[in-house]
Amino acid sequence: MNILVLGGGAQGRVIAAGPGLRDEKGNLIAMDVKKGDRVLFSKYSGNEVNLDGEEHLIISEDDVLAILE
């Protein structure tokens, strides 16, 4: 599942996160990160996008190395 992050370098604040993934039985597996979390992520991960003049990064939850708060 993907996360939209605002920030530069290898850390940022989560501004949007999907609900999670579904397992083979259709049960929802919730994501560990949520909107507002400050995270560290792999330096070269994700895709950069520009929304309303601001640079954002779309990353996979697998690229999150730590939740800082």
C-alpha atoms as a PDB file:
ATOM      1  CA  MET A   1       0.000   0.000   0.000  1.00  0.00           C
ATOM      2  CA  ASN A   2       1.250   3.496  -0.759  1.00  0.00           C
ATOM      3  CA  ILE A   3       1.828   6.528   1.420  1.00  0.00           C
ATOM      4  CA  LEU A   4       1.970  10.196   0.357  1.00  0.00           C
ATOM      5  CA  VAL A   5       4.787  12.006   2.181  1.00  0.00           C
ATOM      6  CA  LEU A   6       5.620  15.714   2.393  1.00  0.00           C
ATOM      7  CA  GLY A   7       9.294  16.354   3.086  1.00  0.00           C
ATOM      8  CA  GLY A   8      12.769  16.147   1.705  1.00  0.00           C
ATOM      9  CA  GLY A   9      15.819  13.994   2.192  1.00  0.00           C
ATOM     10  CA  ALA A  10      14.988  10.695   3.806  1.00  0.00           C
ATOM     11  CA  GLN A  11      12.309  11.847   6.216  1.00  0.00           C
ATOM     12  CA  GLY A  12       8.927  13.472   5.994  1.00  0.00           C
ATOM     13  CA  ARG A  13       5.413  13.691   7.353  1.00  0.00           C
ATOM     14  CA  VAL A  14       2.675  11.358   6.144  1.00  0.00           C
ATOM     15  CA  ILE A  15      -0.134  13.438   4.647  1.00  0.00           C
ATOM     16  CA  ALA A  16      -2.173  10.518   3.303  1.00  0.00           C
ATOM     17  CA  ALA A  17      -2.117   6.755   3.642  1.00  0.00           C
ATOM     18  CA  GLY A  18      -4.204   3.999   2.139  1.00  0.00           C
ATOM     19  CA  PRO A  19      -6.306   1.642   4.264  1.00  0.00           C
ATOM     20  CA  GLY A  20      -3.933  -1.310   3.909  1.00  0.00           C
ATOM     21  CA  LEU A  21      -3.816  -4.569   2.009  1.00  0.00           C
ATOM     22  CA  ARG A  22      -6.147  -7.543   1.844  1.00  0.00           C
ATOM     23  CA  ASP A  23      -4.955 -11.060   2.608  1.00  0.00           C
ATOM     24  CA  GLU A  24      -5.942 -14.116   0.590  1.00  0.00           C
ATOM     25  CA  LYS A  25      -9.216 -14.412   2.572  1.00  0.00           C
ATOM     26  CA  GLY A  26     -10.139 -10.794   1.934  1.00  0.00           C
ATOM     27  CA  ASN A  27      -9.390  -9.572   5.473  1.00  0.00           C
ATOM     28  CA  LEU A  28      -7.975  -6.051   5.714  1.00  0.00           C
ATOM     29  CA  ILE A  29      -4.435  -5.805   7.089  1.00  0.00           C
ATOM     30  CA  ALA A  30      -4.146  -2.221   8.338  1.00  0.00           C
ATOM     31  CA  MET A  31      -1.037  -0.141   7.713  1.00  0.00           C
ATOM     32  CA  ASP A  32       1.310   0.721  10.578  1.00  0.00           C
ATOM     33  CA  VAL A  33       1.653   4.357   9.514  1.00  0.00           C
ATOM     34  CA  LYS A  34      -1.101   6.946   9.615  1.00  0.00           C
ATOM     35  CA  LYS A  35      -1.658  10.535   8.581  1.00  0.00           C
ATOM     36  CA  GLY A  36       0.486  12.881  10.658  1.00  0.00           C
ATOM     37  CA  ASP A  37       3.281  10.388  11.433  1.00  0.00           C
ATOM     38  CA  ARG A  38       6.844  11.574  10.887  1.00  0.00           C
ATOM     39  CA  VAL A  39       8.785   8.814   9.136  1.00  0.00           C
ATOM     40  CA  LEU A  40      12.257   7.890   7.937  1.00  0.00           C
ATOM     41  CA  PHE A  41      12.367   6.150   4.572  1.00  0.00           C
ATOM     42  CA  SER A  42      14.880   4.769   2.105  1.00  0.00           C
ATOM     43  CA  LYS A  43      16.703   7.644   0.390  1.00  0.00           C
ATOM     44  CA  TYR A  44      16.034   6.587  -3.199  1.00  0.00           C
ATOM     45  CA  SER A  45      12.543   5.167  -2.736  1.00  0.00           C
ATOM     46  CA  GLY A  46       9.248   6.304  -4.162  1.00  0.00           C
ATOM     47  CA  ASN A  47       8.092   8.600  -6.912  1.00  0.00           C
ATOM     48  CA  GLU A  48       8.236  12.385  -6.727  1.00  0.00           C
ATOM     49  CA  VAL A  49       5.077  14.291  -7.618  1.00  0.00           C
ATOM     50  CA  ASN A  50       4.192  17.982  -7.587  1.00  0.00           C
ATOM     51  CA  LEU A  51       0.762  18.780  -6.147  1.00  0.00           C
ATOM     52  CA  ASP A  52      -0.384  22.402  -5.957  1.00  0.00           C
ATOM     53  CA  GLY A  53       3.204  23.640  -6.233  1.00  0.00           C
ATOM     54  CA  GLU A  54       4.546  21.407  -3.436  1.00  0.00           C
ATOM     55  CA  GLU A  55       6.894  18.462  -3.895  1.00  0.00           C
ATOM     56  CA  HIS A  56       5.576  15.182  -2.477  1.00  0.00           C
ATOM     57  CA  LEU A  57       6.805  11.610  -2.513  1.00  0.00           C
ATOM     58  CA  ILE A  58       4.694   8.503  -2.951  1.00  0.00           C
ATOM     59  CA  ILE A  59       6.344   5.562  -1.199  1.00  0.00           C
ATOM     60  CA  SER A  60       5.471   2.012  -0.271  1.00  0.00           C
ATOM     61  CA  GLU A  61       5.023   1.141   3.392  1.00  0.00           C
ATOM     62  CA  ASP A  62       7.871  -1.344   2.877  1.00  0.00           C
ATOM     63  CA  ASP A  63      10.220   1.641   2.305  1.00  0.00           C
ATOM     64  CA  VAL A  64       9.469   3.118   5.759  1.00  0.00           C
ATOM     65  CA  LEU A  65      12.444   2.472   8.021  1.00  0.00           C
ATOM     66  CA  ALA A  66      11.039   4.037  11.220  1.00  0.00           C
ATOM     67  CA  ILE A  67       8.084   5.971  12.575  1.00  0.00           C
ATOM     68  CA  LEU A  68       9.503   8.895  14.577  1.00  0.00           C
ATOM     69  CA  GLU A  69       6.294  10.098  16.225  1.00  0.00           C
END
